[in-house]
Amino acid sequence: MMTSASAAAQRLLTARQSGQGCESLGLQTLDQGYAVQTELTTLWRSAGLQPCGYKLGLTDQRMQQATDFSHPLYGPLMRQWQHASPARLTEAGLLSPRVEGEVAFVFKQGLDDANASEAQLKAALSHVLPALEVCDSAFLGWPTSLPDALADNLSCGLYVLGEQPVAVDGLDFASLEMNLLCNGELAASGHASQCMGSPLLACLWLVRELAAQGTPIQAGEIVLSGALGPMLRINQGDRLQMSLGVLGQVSCQF
């Protein structure tokens, strides 16, 4: 690694705060990426940001195969990044935003079991919501490697949650269809099965992983499932609306 994890984290933070993207950190491994992400999270917390859950990335099985990975990646979410639909993000200070349609899982109780079952996961969930993840990057031209992306918290910017909670019981997560409109026209579409076969399975993987790491999911925390379709580049003034079957809609304007 070109620089220490703490110095690399400060570089990423400065890039976002200044609005001036930075060059690659030159990271070589995912362990290095997670080390920088941990330092960056410490900087955010020192600045008063409050962790409230996690986001998943690399949940598309085709992307996993293309990059020779057998599992997704993850990073923290902060309460201050959360917005309610319909959200106005005109003053968000984003560098190069892009949007993905996802499922948000909201927990009513913690789950500390590295072998948790789907039934245990469903019992621990309060509800789910449609969500838009507004991705952004501290890197010029976006990251060129997975370790760099991981260090920058998987290019997380903001996230927008739908208004109407939906109960988990009876939901067929794998069958959900995602349609993303930009300025009233269909701009991206996808299927929930693209997300590890089902967004619920993606969430279950994270719950097990966190328990195995000794940092289990807690009551009140949120998990963003990972993308259900392609990432959409956006411009100032764009109006976005995502529909996700029985989960309803979520919208924002830039």
C-alpha atoms as a PDB file:
ATOM      1  CA  MET A   1       0.000   0.000   0.000  1.00  0.00           C
ATOM      2  CA  MET A   2       1.348   3.399  -0.980  1.00  0.00           C
ATOM      3  CA  THR A   3       0.405   5.106   2.283  1.00  0.00           C
ATOM      4  CA  SER A   4      -0.740   4.105   5.765  1.00  0.00           C
ATOM      5  CA  ALA A   5      -4.406   3.271   6.266  1.00  0.00           C
ATOM      6  CA  SER A   6      -4.964   6.408   8.347  1.00  0.00           C
ATOM      7  CA  ALA A   7      -3.291   8.662   5.766  1.00  0.00           C
ATOM      8  CA  ALA A   8      -5.265   7.037   2.953  1.00  0.00           C
ATOM      9  CA  ALA A   9      -8.525   7.538   4.865  1.00  0.00           C
ATOM     10  CA  GLN A  10      -7.731  11.208   5.422  1.00  0.00           C
ATOM     11  CA  ARG A  11      -7.019  11.569   1.711  1.00  0.00           C
ATOM     12  CA  LEU A  12     -10.437  10.156   0.845  1.00  0.00           C
ATOM     13  CA  LEU A  13     -12.184  12.355   3.382  1.00  0.00           C
ATOM     14  CA  THR A  14     -10.404  15.463   2.111  1.00  0.00           C
ATOM     15  CA  ALA A  15     -11.347  14.616  -1.483  1.00  0.00           C
ATOM     16  CA  ARG A  16     -15.027  14.421  -0.619  1.00  0.00           C
ATOM     17  CA  GLN A  17     -15.010  17.511   1.587  1.00  0.00           C
ATOM     18  CA  SER A  18     -13.155  19.634  -0.953  1.00  0.00           C
ATOM     19  CA  GLY A  19     -15.062  18.385  -3.976  1.00  0.00           C
ATOM     20  CA  GLN A  20     -11.765  17.515  -5.644  1.00  0.00           C
ATOM     21  CA  GLY A  21     -11.431  13.831  -6.502  1.00  0.00           C
ATOM     22  CA  CYS A  22      -8.166  12.058  -5.733  1.00  0.00           C
ATOM     23  CA  GLU A  23      -6.006   9.558  -7.596  1.00  0.00           C
ATOM     24  CA  SER A  24      -5.877   5.827  -6.839  1.00  0.00           C
ATOM     25  CA  LEU A  25      -4.553   4.788  -3.439  1.00  0.00           C
ATOM     26  CA  GLY A  26      -2.654   1.921  -5.021  1.00  0.00           C
ATOM     27  CA  LEU A  27      -4.225  -0.693  -2.755  1.00  0.00           C
ATOM     28  CA  GLN A  28      -3.576  -4.306  -3.685  1.00  0.00           C
ATOM     29  CA  THR A  29      -5.792  -6.415  -1.421  1.00  0.00           C
ATOM     30  CA  LEU A  30      -9.264  -6.385   0.097  1.00  0.00           C
ATOM     31  CA  ASP A  31      -7.699  -6.493   3.565  1.00  0.00           C
ATOM     32  CA  GLN A  32      -5.984  -3.195   2.771  1.00  0.00           C
ATOM     33  CA  GLY A  33      -9.274  -1.805   1.510  1.00  0.00           C
ATOM     34  CA  TYR A  34     -11.114  -2.796   4.687  1.00  0.00           C
ATOM     35  CA  ALA A  35      -8.295  -1.319   6.808  1.00  0.00           C
ATOM     36  CA  VAL A  36      -8.695   2.068   5.105  1.00  0.00           C
ATOM     37  CA  GLN A  37     -12.483   1.817   5.359  1.00  0.00           C
ATOM     38  CA  THR A  38     -12.179   1.237   9.118  1.00  0.00           C
ATOM     39  CA  GLU A  39      -9.994   4.329   9.495  1.00  0.00           C
ATOM     40  CA  LEU A  40     -12.412   6.356   7.365  1.00  0.00           C
ATOM     41  CA  THR A  41     -15.302   5.228   9.555  1.00  0.00           C
ATOM     42  CA  THR A  42     -13.359   6.400  12.611  1.00  0.00           C
ATOM     43  CA  LEU A  43     -12.931   9.828  11.008  1.00  0.00           C
ATOM     44  CA  TRP A  44     -16.648  10.029  10.247  1.00  0.00           C
ATOM     45  CA  ARG A  45     -17.565   9.076  13.804  1.00  0.00           C
ATOM     46  CA  SER A  46     -15.122  11.630  15.193  1.00  0.00           C
ATOM     47  CA  ALA A  47     -16.931  14.233  13.081  1.00  0.00           C
ATOM     48  CA  GLY A  48     -20.248  13.283  14.706  1.00  0.00           C
ATOM     49  CA  LEU A  49     -21.678  10.882  12.147  1.00  0.00           C
ATOM     50  CA  GLN A  50     -23.692   8.007  13.629  1.00  0.00           C
ATOM     51  CA  PRO A  51     -23.452   4.440  12.282  1.00  0.00           C
ATOM     52  CA  CYS A  52     -26.889   2.940  11.655  1.00  0.00           C
ATOM     53  CA  GLY A  53     -26.319  -0.167   9.561  1.00  0.00           C
ATOM     54  CA  TYR A  54     -24.549  -1.556   6.520  1.00  0.00           C
ATOM     55  CA  LYS A  55     -24.540  -1.561   2.739  1.00  0.00           C
ATOM     56  CA  LEU A  56     -23.685  -4.505   0.533  1.00  0.00           C
ATOM     57  CA  GLY A  57     -21.776  -4.434  -2.734  1.00  0.00           C
ATOM     58  CA  LEU A  58     -20.722  -6.951  -5.362  1.00  0.00           C
ATOM     59  CA  THR A  59     -23.940  -8.905  -4.851  1.00  0.00           C
ATOM     60  CA  ASP A  60     -24.451  -9.537  -8.571  1.00  0.00           C
ATOM     61  CA  GLN A  61     -23.399 -13.151  -9.081  1.00  0.00           C
ATOM     62  CA  ARG A  62     -22.227 -12.410 -12.618  1.00  0.00           C
ATOM     63  CA  MET A  63     -19.911  -9.714 -11.288  1.00  0.00           C
ATOM     64  CA  GLN A  64     -18.646 -12.110  -8.617  1.00  0.00           C
ATOM     65  CA  GLN A  65     -17.781 -14.633 -11.306  1.00  0.00           C
ATOM     66  CA  ALA A  66     -16.137 -11.981 -13.485  1.00  0.00           C
ATOM     67  CA  THR A  67     -13.940 -10.818 -10.584  1.00  0.00           C
ATOM     68  CA  ASP A  68     -13.335 -14.326  -9.215  1.00  0.00           C
ATOM     69  CA  PHE A  69     -15.101 -13.623  -5.905  1.00  0.00           C
ATOM     70  CA  SER A  70     -17.516 -15.944  -4.167  1.00  0.00           C
ATOM     71  CA  HIS A  71     -18.994 -13.423  -1.738  1.00  0.00           C
ATOM     72  CA  PRO A  72     -20.078  -9.767  -1.583  1.00  0.00           C
ATOM     73  CA  LEU A  73     -18.383  -6.825   0.141  1.00  0.00           C
ATOM     74  CA  TYR A  74     -19.823  -4.457   2.735  1.00  0.00           C
ATOM     75  CA  GLY A  75     -19.390  -1.145   4.508  1.00  0.00           C
ATOM     76  CA  PRO A  76     -21.124   1.026   7.115  1.00  0.00           C
ATOM     77  CA  LEU A  77     -24.093   3.344   6.709  1.00  0.00           C
ATOM     78  CA  MET A  78     -24.398   6.618   8.603  1.00  0.00           C
ATOM     79  CA  ARG A  79     -27.632   8.122   9.888  1.00  0.00           C
ATOM     80  CA  GLN A  80     -26.785  11.507   8.386  1.00  0.00           C
ATOM     81  CA  TRP A  81     -26.743  10.030   4.870  1.00  0.00           C
ATOM     82  CA  GLN A  82     -30.353   8.878   5.147  1.00  0.00           C
ATOM     83  CA  HIS A  83     -33.196  10.694   3.380  1.00  0.00           C
ATOM     84  CA  ALA A  84     -36.919  10.011   3.183  1.00  0.00           C
ATOM     85  CA  SER A  85     -38.795   9.798  -0.093  1.00  0.00           C
ATOM     86  CA  PRO A  86     -39.580  12.082  -1.874  1.00  0.00           C
ATOM     87  CA  ALA A  87     -36.125  13.564  -1.260  1.00  0.00           C
ATOM     88  CA  ARG A  88     -34.579  16.751  -2.628  1.00  0.00           C
ATOM     89  CA  LEU A  89     -30.824  16.304  -2.912  1.00  0.00           C
ATOM     90  CA  THR A  90     -29.963  19.541  -4.694  1.00  0.00           C
ATOM     91  CA  GLU A  91     -27.559  20.633  -1.937  1.00  0.00           C
ATOM     92  CA  ALA A  92     -25.999  17.238  -1.231  1.00  0.00           C
ATOM     93  CA  GLY A  93     -22.525  18.229  -2.441  1.00  0.00           C
ATOM     94  CA  LEU A  94     -21.999  15.051  -4.445  1.00  0.00           C
ATOM     95  CA  LEU A  95     -19.000  14.748  -6.780  1.00  0.00           C
ATOM     96  CA  SER A  96     -20.143  12.295  -9.453  1.00  0.00           C
ATOM     97  CA  PRO A  97     -23.391  10.666  -8.352  1.00  0.00           C
ATOM     98  CA  ARG A  98     -24.901   7.467  -9.691  1.00  0.00           C
ATOM     99  CA  VAL A  99     -28.003   5.630  -8.489  1.00  0.00           C
ATOM    100  CA  GLU A 100     -28.956   2.008  -7.833  1.00  0.00           C
ATOM    101  CA  GLY A 101     -32.292   0.470  -6.875  1.00  0.00           C
ATOM    102  CA  GLU A 102     -32.132  -1.718  -3.759  1.00  0.00           C
ATOM    103  CA  VAL A 103     -34.089  -3.246  -0.868  1.00  0.00           C
ATOM    104  CA  ALA A 104     -33.660  -1.832   2.643  1.00  0.00           C
ATOM    105  CA  PHE A 105     -34.001  -4.300   5.531  1.00  0.00           C
ATOM    106  CA  VAL A 106     -34.858  -2.775   8.929  1.00  0.00           C
ATOM    107  CA  PHE A 107     -34.156  -4.865  12.044  1.00  0.00           C
ATOM    108  CA  LYS A 108     -36.366  -4.922  15.139  1.00  0.00           C
ATOM    109  CA  GLN A 109     -33.951  -7.121  17.089  1.00  0.00           C
ATOM    110  CA  GLY A 110     -30.322  -8.141  16.922  1.00  0.00           C
ATOM    111  CA  LEU A 111     -29.190 -11.459  15.486  1.00  0.00           C
ATOM    112  CA  ASP A 112     -25.925 -12.966  16.705  1.00  0.00           C
ATOM    113  CA  ASP A 113     -25.642 -16.302  14.922  1.00  0.00           C
ATOM    114  CA  ALA A 114     -23.034 -17.115  12.293  1.00  0.00           C
ATOM    115  CA  ASN A 115     -25.302 -19.935  11.105  1.00  0.00           C
ATOM    116  CA  ALA A 116     -28.573 -18.011  11.170  1.00  0.00           C
ATOM    117  CA  SER A 117     -31.405 -19.384   9.046  1.00  0.00           C
ATOM    118  CA  GLU A 118     -33.781 -17.503   6.748  1.00  0.00           C
ATOM    119  CA  ALA A 119     -36.514 -18.023   9.338  1.00  0.00           C
ATOM    120  CA  GLN A 120     -34.362 -16.444  12.055  1.00  0.00           C
ATOM    121  CA  LEU A 121     -33.584 -13.518   9.782  1.00  0.00           C
ATOM    122  CA  LYS A 122     -37.240 -12.913   8.967  1.00  0.00           C
ATOM    123  CA  ALA A 123     -38.108 -13.060  12.675  1.00  0.00           C
ATOM    124  CA  ALA A 124     -35.475 -10.408  13.419  1.00  0.00           C
ATOM    125  CA  LEU A 125     -36.732  -8.012  10.738  1.00  0.00           C
ATOM    126  CA  SER A 126     -39.217  -5.244  11.422  1.00  0.00           C
ATOM    127  CA  HIS A 127     -39.986  -4.475   7.785  1.00  0.00           C
ATOM    128  CA  VAL A 128     -38.492  -3.748   4.389  1.00  0.00           C
ATOM    129  CA  LEU A 129     -38.567  -0.679   2.146  1.00  0.00           C
ATOM    130  CA  PRO A 130     -37.679   0.194  -1.427  1.00  0.00           C
ATOM    131  CA  ALA A 131     -34.464   2.206  -1.463  1.00  0.00           C
ATOM    132  CA  LEU A 132     -32.309   4.264  -3.781  1.00  0.00           C
ATOM    133  CA  GLU A 133     -28.614   4.222  -3.056  1.00  0.00           C
ATOM    134  CA  VAL A 134     -26.988   7.391  -4.349  1.00  0.00           C
ATOM    135  CA  CYS A 135     -23.436   6.271  -4.982  1.00  0.00           C
ATOM    136  CA  ASP A 136     -20.546   8.721  -5.159  1.00  0.00           C
ATOM    137  CA  SER A 137     -16.774   8.457  -5.240  1.00  0.00           C
ATOM    138  CA  ALA A 138     -13.780  10.277  -3.826  1.00  0.00           C
ATOM    139  CA  PHE A 139     -11.732   9.102  -6.821  1.00  0.00           C
ATOM    140  CA  LEU A 140     -11.297  10.940 -10.102  1.00  0.00           C
ATOM    141  CA  GLY A 141     -13.214   8.966 -12.694  1.00  0.00           C
ATOM    142  CA  TRP A 142     -14.422   6.508 -10.025  1.00  0.00           C
ATOM    143  CA  PRO A 143     -12.275   3.716  -8.544  1.00  0.00           C
ATOM    144  CA  THR A 144     -10.341   1.455 -10.873  1.00  0.00           C
ATOM    145  CA  SER A 145      -9.925  -1.447  -8.426  1.00  0.00           C
ATOM    146  CA  LEU A 146     -12.048  -3.265  -5.852  1.00  0.00           C
ATOM    147  CA  PRO A 147      -9.632  -2.479  -2.973  1.00  0.00           C
ATOM    148  CA  ASP A 148      -9.877   1.246  -3.748  1.00  0.00           C
ATOM    149  CA  ALA A 149     -13.670   1.038  -3.981  1.00  0.00           C
ATOM    150  CA  LEU A 150     -13.819  -0.853  -0.696  1.00  0.00           C
ATOM    151  CA  ALA A 151     -11.601   1.737   1.003  1.00  0.00           C
ATOM    152  CA  ASP A 152     -14.010   4.470  -0.138  1.00  0.00           C
ATOM    153  CA  ASN A 153     -16.875   2.590   1.515  1.00  0.00           C
ATOM    154  CA  LEU A 154     -17.956   0.997  -1.757  1.00  0.00           C
ATOM    155  CA  SER A 155     -18.632   4.418  -3.263  1.00  0.00           C
ATOM    156  CA  CYS A 156     -21.427   5.194  -0.825  1.00  0.00           C
ATOM    157  CA  GLY A 157     -22.900   8.676  -0.915  1.00  0.00           C
ATOM    158  CA  LEU A 158     -26.486   8.897   0.340  1.00  0.00           C
ATOM    159  CA  TYR A 159     -29.552   6.680   0.448  1.00  0.00           C
ATOM    160  CA  VAL A 160     -33.269   7.380   0.137  1.00  0.00           C
ATOM    161  CA  LEU A 161     -35.867   5.164   1.826  1.00  0.00           C
ATOM    162  CA  GLY A 162     -39.468   4.613   0.739  1.00  0.00           C
ATOM    163  CA  GLU A 163     -42.331   5.888   2.849  1.00  0.00           C
ATOM    164  CA  GLN A 164     -44.432   2.759   3.472  1.00  0.00           C
ATOM    165  CA  PRO A 165     -42.980  -0.119   5.536  1.00  0.00           C
ATOM    166  CA  VAL A 166     -43.783  -3.555   4.127  1.00  0.00           C
ATOM    167  CA  ALA A 167     -44.033  -6.671   6.295  1.00  0.00           C
ATOM    168  CA  VAL A 168     -41.651  -9.508   5.487  1.00  0.00           C
ATOM    169  CA  ASP A 169     -44.076 -12.417   5.880  1.00  0.00           C
ATOM    170  CA  GLY A 170     -45.166 -13.856   2.557  1.00  0.00           C
ATOM    171  CA  LEU A 171     -42.825 -11.742   0.445  1.00  0.00           C
ATOM    172  CA  ASP A 172     -41.170 -13.460  -2.502  1.00  0.00           C
ATOM    173  CA  PHE A 173     -37.998 -11.383  -2.586  1.00  0.00           C
ATOM    174  CA  ALA A 174     -36.490 -13.185  -5.578  1.00  0.00           C
ATOM    175  CA  SER A 175     -39.428 -12.254  -7.825  1.00  0.00           C
ATOM    176  CA  LEU A 176     -39.314  -8.488  -7.254  1.00  0.00           C
ATOM    177  CA  GLU A 177     -38.901  -6.434 -10.420  1.00  0.00           C
ATOM    178  CA  MET A 178     -37.157  -3.057 -10.345  1.00  0.00           C
ATOM    179  CA  ASN A 179     -37.920  -0.206 -12.743  1.00  0.00           C
ATOM    180  CA  LEU A 180     -36.055   3.089 -12.451  1.00  0.00           C
ATOM    181  CA  LEU A 181     -37.438   6.164 -14.198  1.00  0.00           C
ATOM    182  CA  CYS A 182     -35.363   9.264 -14.904  1.00  0.00           C
ATOM    183  CA  ASN A 183     -37.380  12.371 -15.739  1.00  0.00           C
ATOM    184  CA  GLY A 184     -40.410  10.197 -16.424  1.00  0.00           C
ATOM    185  CA  GLU A 185     -38.732   7.752 -18.803  1.00  0.00           C
ATOM    186  CA  LEU A 186     -37.559   4.215 -18.101  1.00  0.00           C
ATOM    187  CA  ALA A 187     -33.787   4.417 -17.649  1.00  0.00           C
ATOM    188  CA  ALA A 188     -32.896   1.125 -15.946  1.00  0.00           C
ATOM    189  CA  SER A 189     -34.593  -2.107 -14.989  1.00  0.00           C
ATOM    190  CA  GLY A 190     -33.604  -5.239 -13.173  1.00  0.00           C
ATOM    191  CA  HIS A 191     -34.706  -8.262 -11.224  1.00  0.00           C
ATOM    192  CA  ALA A 192     -34.129  -9.024  -7.563  1.00  0.00           C
ATOM    193  CA  SER A 193     -32.731 -12.422  -8.475  1.00  0.00           C
ATOM    194  CA  GLN A 194     -29.627 -10.591  -9.755  1.00  0.00           C
ATOM    195  CA  CYS A 195     -28.797  -9.893  -6.099  1.00  0.00           C
ATOM    196  CA  MET A 196     -27.327 -13.243  -4.937  1.00  0.00           C
ATOM    197  CA  GLY A 197     -30.462 -15.010  -6.144  1.00  0.00           C
ATOM    198  CA  SER A 198     -32.547 -12.985  -3.680  1.00  0.00           C
ATOM    199  CA  PRO A 199     -31.949  -9.791  -1.646  1.00  0.00           C
ATOM    200  CA  LEU A 200     -32.953 -11.794   1.429  1.00  0.00           C
ATOM    201  CA  LEU A 201     -30.031 -14.162   0.835  1.00  0.00           C
ATOM    202  CA  ALA A 202     -27.684 -11.202   0.484  1.00  0.00           C
ATOM    203  CA  CYS A 203     -28.896  -9.844   3.820  1.00  0.00           C
ATOM    204  CA  LEU A 204     -28.550 -13.298   5.394  1.00  0.00           C
ATOM    205  CA  TRP A 205     -24.937 -13.541   4.196  1.00  0.00           C
ATOM    206  CA  LEU A 206     -24.153 -10.230   5.895  1.00  0.00           C
ATOM    207  CA  VAL A 207     -25.880 -11.206   9.151  1.00  0.00           C
ATOM    208  CA  ARG A 208     -23.821 -14.387   9.312  1.00  0.00           C
ATOM    209  CA  GLU A 209     -20.602 -12.574   8.404  1.00  0.00           C
ATOM    210  CA  LEU A 210     -21.097  -9.871  11.044  1.00  0.00           C
ATOM    211  CA  ALA A 211     -21.827 -12.502  13.697  1.00  0.00           C
ATOM    212  CA  ALA A 212     -18.694 -14.418  12.710  1.00  0.00           C
ATOM    213  CA  GLN A 213     -16.668 -11.202  13.005  1.00  0.00           C
ATOM    214  CA  GLY A 214     -17.994 -10.557  16.523  1.00  0.00           C
ATOM    215  CA  THR A 215     -19.966  -7.449  15.506  1.00  0.00           C
ATOM    216  CA  PRO A 216     -23.524  -8.781  15.095  1.00  0.00           C
ATOM    217  CA  ILE A 217     -26.362  -6.788  13.588  1.00  0.00           C
ATOM    218  CA  GLN A 218     -28.294  -4.749  16.165  1.00  0.00           C
ATOM    219  CA  ALA A 219     -31.918  -3.743  16.645  1.00  0.00           C
ATOM    220  CA  GLY A 220     -32.779  -0.634  14.659  1.00  0.00           C
ATOM    221  CA  GLU A 221     -30.029  -1.098  12.099  1.00  0.00           C
ATOM    222  CA  ILE A 222     -30.596  -0.985   8.333  1.00  0.00           C
ATOM    223  CA  VAL A 223     -29.073  -3.147   5.618  1.00  0.00           C
ATOM    224  CA  LEU A 224     -29.056  -2.110   1.957  1.00  0.00           C
ATOM    225  CA  SER A 225     -29.192  -5.238  -0.173  1.00  0.00           C
ATOM    226  CA  GLY A 226     -26.962  -4.296  -3.067  1.00  0.00           C
ATOM    227  CA  ALA A 227     -28.081  -3.387  -6.575  1.00  0.00           C
ATOM    228  CA  LEU A 228     -31.077  -5.034  -8.245  1.00  0.00           C
ATOM    229  CA  GLY A 229     -30.075  -3.723 -11.662  1.00  0.00           C
ATOM    230  CA  PRO A 230     -27.609  -1.458 -13.457  1.00  0.00           C
ATOM    231  CA  MET A 231     -26.166   1.704 -11.957  1.00  0.00           C
ATOM    232  CA  LEU A 232     -27.514   4.903 -13.517  1.00  0.00           C
ATOM    233  CA  ARG A 233     -25.456   8.054 -14.025  1.00  0.00           C
ATOM    234  CA  ILE A 234     -27.362  11.185 -13.127  1.00  0.00           C
ATOM    235  CA  ASN A 235     -27.141  14.925 -13.684  1.00  0.00           C
ATOM    236  CA  GLN A 236     -28.240  17.993 -11.787  1.00  0.00           C
ATOM    237  CA  GLY A 237     -31.983  18.480 -12.131  1.00  0.00           C
ATOM    238  CA  ASP A 238     -32.777  14.807 -12.752  1.00  0.00           C
ATOM    239  CA  ARG A 239     -35.922  13.381 -11.142  1.00  0.00           C
ATOM    240  CA  LEU A 240     -35.752   9.693 -10.260  1.00  0.00           C
ATOM    241  CA  GLN A 241     -38.499   7.276  -9.298  1.00  0.00           C
ATOM    242  CA  MET A 242     -37.972   3.599  -8.616  1.00  0.00           C
ATOM    243  CA  SER A 243     -40.807   1.072  -8.391  1.00  0.00           C
ATOM    244  CA  LEU A 244     -40.218  -2.312  -6.778  1.00  0.00           C
ATOM    245  CA  GLY A 245     -43.364  -4.390  -7.122  1.00  0.00           C
ATOM    246  CA  VAL A 246     -45.310  -4.846  -3.890  1.00  0.00           C
ATOM    247  CA  LEU A 247     -42.684  -2.818  -2.003  1.00  0.00           C
ATOM    248  CA  GLY A 248     -43.922   0.337  -3.712  1.00  0.00           C
ATOM    249  CA  GLN A 249     -41.977   3.369  -4.857  1.00  0.00           C
ATOM    250  CA  VAL A 250     -39.182   5.685  -3.782  1.00  0.00           C
ATOM    251  CA  SER A 251     -38.151   8.960  -5.424  1.00  0.00           C
ATOM    252  CA  CYS A 252     -35.674  11.809  -5.298  1.00  0.00           C
ATOM    253  CA  GLN A 253     -34.629  14.898  -7.240  1.00  0.00           C
ATOM    254  CA  PHE A 254     -31.127  16.281  -7.793  1.00  0.00           C
END
